[in-house]
């Protein structure tokens, strides 16, 4: 698992912020994830499943806000893999969350049979 410690993702679409503040925040999340992925030596074989885990000290988010909170990280993973993030025939994304200190985990798994 690739761990991005201290990456604080906002609570999805429920966050109330100016659109430019949101764009700047998502860009920073995407750049941080891209930087960590660039250090990763080997890309997983495609097709694959990507599990994105949000670590936060809160009680957790509902599933649509969880996916929204990890959008910048998902975009960075898709760019790194060289695929379009909406192409479900090549990459599937699963979302999980755990109560812990702030961070994001990225894990690659094989394509289900």
C-alpha atoms as a PDB file:
ATOM      1  CA  UNK A   1       0.000   0.000   0.000  1.00  0.00           C
ATOM      2  CA  UNK A   2       1.192   3.472  -0.852  1.00  0.00           C
ATOM      3  CA  UNK A   3       0.516   5.723   2.120  1.00  0.00           C
ATOM      4  CA  UNK A   4       0.119   9.491   1.873  1.00  0.00           C
ATOM      5  CA  UNK A   5       0.384  10.489   5.532  1.00  0.00           C
ATOM      6  CA  UNK A   6      -1.132  13.759   6.710  1.00  0.00           C
ATOM      7  CA  UNK A   7      -3.103  14.262   3.479  1.00  0.00           C
ATOM      8  CA  UNK A   8      -6.342  15.869   4.678  1.00  0.00           C
ATOM      9  CA  UNK A   9      -9.137  15.330   2.207  1.00  0.00           C
ATOM     10  CA  UNK A  10     -12.251  17.477   2.493  1.00  0.00           C
ATOM     11  CA  UNK A  11     -15.578  15.763   3.180  1.00  0.00           C
ATOM     12  CA  UNK A  12     -16.622  15.387  -0.442  1.00  0.00           C
ATOM     13  CA  UNK A  13     -19.320  17.464  -2.050  1.00  0.00           C
ATOM     14  CA  UNK A  14     -20.713  18.708   1.269  1.00  0.00           C
ATOM     15  CA  UNK A  15     -17.846  21.094   1.901  1.00  0.00           C
ATOM     16  CA  UNK A  16     -18.837  24.733   1.491  1.00  0.00           C
ATOM     17  CA  UNK A  17     -16.012  26.625  -0.157  1.00  0.00           C
ATOM     18  CA  UNK A  18     -15.468  29.031  -3.024  1.00  0.00           C
ATOM     19  CA  UNK A  19     -14.928  27.233  -6.333  1.00  0.00           C
ATOM     20  CA  UNK A  20     -11.384  28.617  -6.663  1.00  0.00           C
ATOM     21  CA  UNK A  21     -10.488  27.437  -3.150  1.00  0.00           C
ATOM     22  CA  UNK A  22     -11.838  23.992  -4.043  1.00  0.00           C
ATOM     23  CA  UNK A  23      -9.864  23.914  -7.306  1.00  0.00           C
ATOM     24  CA  UNK A  24      -6.656  24.850  -5.476  1.00  0.00           C
ATOM     25  CA  UNK A  25      -7.244  22.207  -2.786  1.00  0.00           C
ATOM     26  CA  UNK A  26      -8.007  19.411  -5.276  1.00  0.00           C
ATOM     27  CA  UNK A  27      -4.970  20.392  -7.363  1.00  0.00           C
ATOM     28  CA  UNK A  28      -2.748  20.154  -4.273  1.00  0.00           C
ATOM     29  CA  UNK A  29      -4.204  16.725  -3.391  1.00  0.00           C
ATOM     30  CA  UNK A  30      -3.622  15.511  -6.946  1.00  0.00           C
ATOM     31  CA  UNK A  31      -0.035  16.822  -7.012  1.00  0.00           C
ATOM     32  CA  UNK A  32       0.771  15.199  -3.668  1.00  0.00           C
ATOM     33  CA  UNK A  33      -0.571  11.839  -4.866  1.00  0.00           C
ATOM     34  CA  UNK A  34       1.264  12.155  -8.202  1.00  0.00           C
ATOM     35  CA  UNK A  35       4.522  12.874  -6.388  1.00  0.00           C
ATOM     36  CA  UNK A  36       4.147   9.765  -4.214  1.00  0.00           C
ATOM     37  CA  UNK A  37       3.180   7.591  -7.187  1.00  0.00           C
ATOM     38  CA  UNK A  38       6.189   8.819  -9.182  1.00  0.00           C
ATOM     39  CA  UNK A  39       8.419   7.335  -6.485  1.00  0.00           C
ATOM     40  CA  UNK A  40       6.724   3.952  -6.921  1.00  0.00           C
ATOM     41  CA  UNK A  41       8.930   1.795  -9.141  1.00  0.00           C
ATOM     42  CA  UNK A  42       6.563  -0.505 -10.994  1.00  0.00           C
ATOM     43  CA  UNK A  43       3.063   0.102 -12.251  1.00  0.00           C
ATOM     44  CA  UNK A  44       0.562  -2.702 -11.718  1.00  0.00           C
ATOM     45  CA  UNK A  45      -0.642  -4.684 -14.723  1.00  0.00           C
ATOM     46  CA  UNK A  46      -3.828  -3.402 -16.310  1.00  0.00           C
ATOM     47  CA  UNK A  47      -6.661  -4.258 -15.831  1.00  0.00           C
ATOM     48  CA  UNK A  48      -6.557  -3.754 -12.063  1.00  0.00           C
ATOM     49  CA  UNK A  49      -8.582  -2.687  -9.071  1.00  0.00           C
ATOM     50  CA  UNK A  50      -7.490   0.386  -7.115  1.00  0.00           C
ATOM     51  CA  UNK A  51      -8.533   0.618  -3.474  1.00  0.00           C
ATOM     52  CA  UNK A  52      -8.451   4.172  -2.103  1.00  0.00           C
ATOM     53  CA  UNK A  53      -8.664   4.396   1.682  1.00  0.00           C
ATOM     54  CA  UNK A  54      -9.366   7.663   3.492  1.00  0.00           C
ATOM     55  CA  UNK A  55      -7.959   7.854   7.013  1.00  0.00           C
ATOM     56  CA  UNK A  56      -9.578  10.513   9.184  1.00  0.00           C
ATOM     57  CA  UNK A  57     -10.347  11.063  12.876  1.00  0.00           C
ATOM     58  CA  UNK A  58     -14.062  11.489  12.088  1.00  0.00           C
ATOM     59  CA  UNK A  59     -16.880   8.948  12.171  1.00  0.00           C
ATOM     60  CA  UNK A  60     -16.661   8.613   8.389  1.00  0.00           C
ATOM     61  CA  UNK A  61     -18.499   9.792   5.290  1.00  0.00           C
ATOM     62  CA  UNK A  62     -21.355   8.345   3.292  1.00  0.00           C
ATOM     63  CA  UNK A  63     -20.294   6.604   0.070  1.00  0.00           C
ATOM     64  CA  UNK A  64     -20.892   9.467  -2.385  1.00  0.00           C
ATOM     65  CA  UNK A  65     -18.979  11.970  -0.250  1.00  0.00           C
ATOM     66  CA  UNK A  66     -16.212   9.423   0.308  1.00  0.00           C
ATOM     67  CA  UNK A  67     -15.721   9.100  -3.450  1.00  0.00           C
ATOM     68  CA  UNK A  68     -15.838  12.888  -3.852  1.00  0.00           C
ATOM     69  CA  UNK A  69     -13.262  13.419  -1.124  1.00  0.00           C
ATOM     70  CA  UNK A  70     -10.781  11.193  -2.995  1.00  0.00           C
ATOM     71  CA  UNK A  71     -11.361  12.613  -6.505  1.00  0.00           C
ATOM     72  CA  UNK A  72      -7.967  14.345  -6.722  1.00  0.00           C
ATOM     73  CA  UNK A  73      -6.171  11.154  -5.675  1.00  0.00           C
ATOM     74  CA  UNK A  74      -8.199   9.099  -8.164  1.00  0.00           C
ATOM     75  CA  UNK A  75      -7.270  11.508 -10.982  1.00  0.00           C
ATOM     76  CA  UNK A  76      -3.585  11.236 -10.070  1.00  0.00           C
ATOM     77  CA  UNK A  77      -3.741   7.425 -10.067  1.00  0.00           C
ATOM     78  CA  UNK A  78      -5.469   7.391 -13.467  1.00  0.00           C
ATOM     79  CA  UNK A  79      -2.869   9.764 -14.936  1.00  0.00           C
ATOM     80  CA  UNK A  80      -0.032   7.651 -13.528  1.00  0.00           C
ATOM     81  CA  UNK A  81      -1.538   4.465 -14.960  1.00  0.00           C
ATOM     82  CA  UNK A  82      -2.160   6.179 -18.301  1.00  0.00           C
ATOM     83  CA  UNK A  83      -5.899   5.475 -18.371  1.00  0.00           C
ATOM     84  CA  UNK A  84      -9.052   7.541 -18.329  1.00  0.00           C
ATOM     85  CA  UNK A  85     -10.526   7.353 -14.824  1.00  0.00           C
ATOM     86  CA  UNK A  86     -14.013   6.644 -16.192  1.00  0.00           C
ATOM     87  CA  UNK A  87     -12.861   3.564 -18.164  1.00  0.00           C
ATOM     88  CA  UNK A  88     -14.278   0.818 -15.935  1.00  0.00           C
ATOM     89  CA  UNK A  89     -13.169  -1.888 -18.365  1.00  0.00           C
ATOM     90  CA  UNK A  90      -9.518  -1.283 -17.428  1.00  0.00           C
ATOM     91  CA  UNK A  91      -9.504   0.087 -13.882  1.00  0.00           C
ATOM     92  CA  UNK A  92     -12.076  -0.154 -11.109  1.00  0.00           C
ATOM     93  CA  UNK A  93     -11.972   2.017  -8.011  1.00  0.00           C
ATOM     94  CA  UNK A  94     -13.100   0.896  -4.576  1.00  0.00           C
ATOM     95  CA  UNK A  95     -13.361   3.252  -1.623  1.00  0.00           C
ATOM     96  CA  UNK A  96     -12.778   2.502   2.024  1.00  0.00           C
ATOM     97  CA  UNK A  97     -12.330   4.568   5.162  1.00  0.00           C
ATOM     98  CA  UNK A  98     -10.803   4.015   8.562  1.00  0.00           C
ATOM     99  CA  UNK A  99     -10.824   6.044  11.718  1.00  0.00           C
ATOM    100  CA  UNK A 100      -7.215   7.087  12.314  1.00  0.00           C
ATOM    101  CA  UNK A 101      -4.932  10.083  11.876  1.00  0.00           C
ATOM    102  CA  UNK A 102      -5.208  11.940   8.562  1.00  0.00           C
ATOM    103  CA  UNK A 103      -3.970  10.254   5.417  1.00  0.00           C
ATOM    104  CA  UNK A 104      -4.818   8.359   2.248  1.00  0.00           C
ATOM    105  CA  UNK A 105      -3.845   4.851   1.230  1.00  0.00           C
ATOM    106  CA  UNK A 106      -3.578   3.567  -2.345  1.00  0.00           C
ATOM    107  CA  UNK A 107      -3.579  -0.167  -2.961  1.00  0.00           C
ATOM    108  CA  UNK A 108      -3.539  -2.108  -6.244  1.00  0.00           C
ATOM    109  CA  UNK A 109      -5.192  -5.482  -6.605  1.00  0.00           C
ATOM    110  CA  UNK A 110      -5.630  -7.920  -9.446  1.00  0.00           C
ATOM    111  CA  UNK A 111      -8.669  -7.944 -11.690  1.00  0.00           C
ATOM    112  CA  UNK A 112     -11.420 -10.204 -10.328  1.00  0.00           C
ATOM    113  CA  UNK A 113     -11.939 -13.408 -12.245  1.00  0.00           C
END
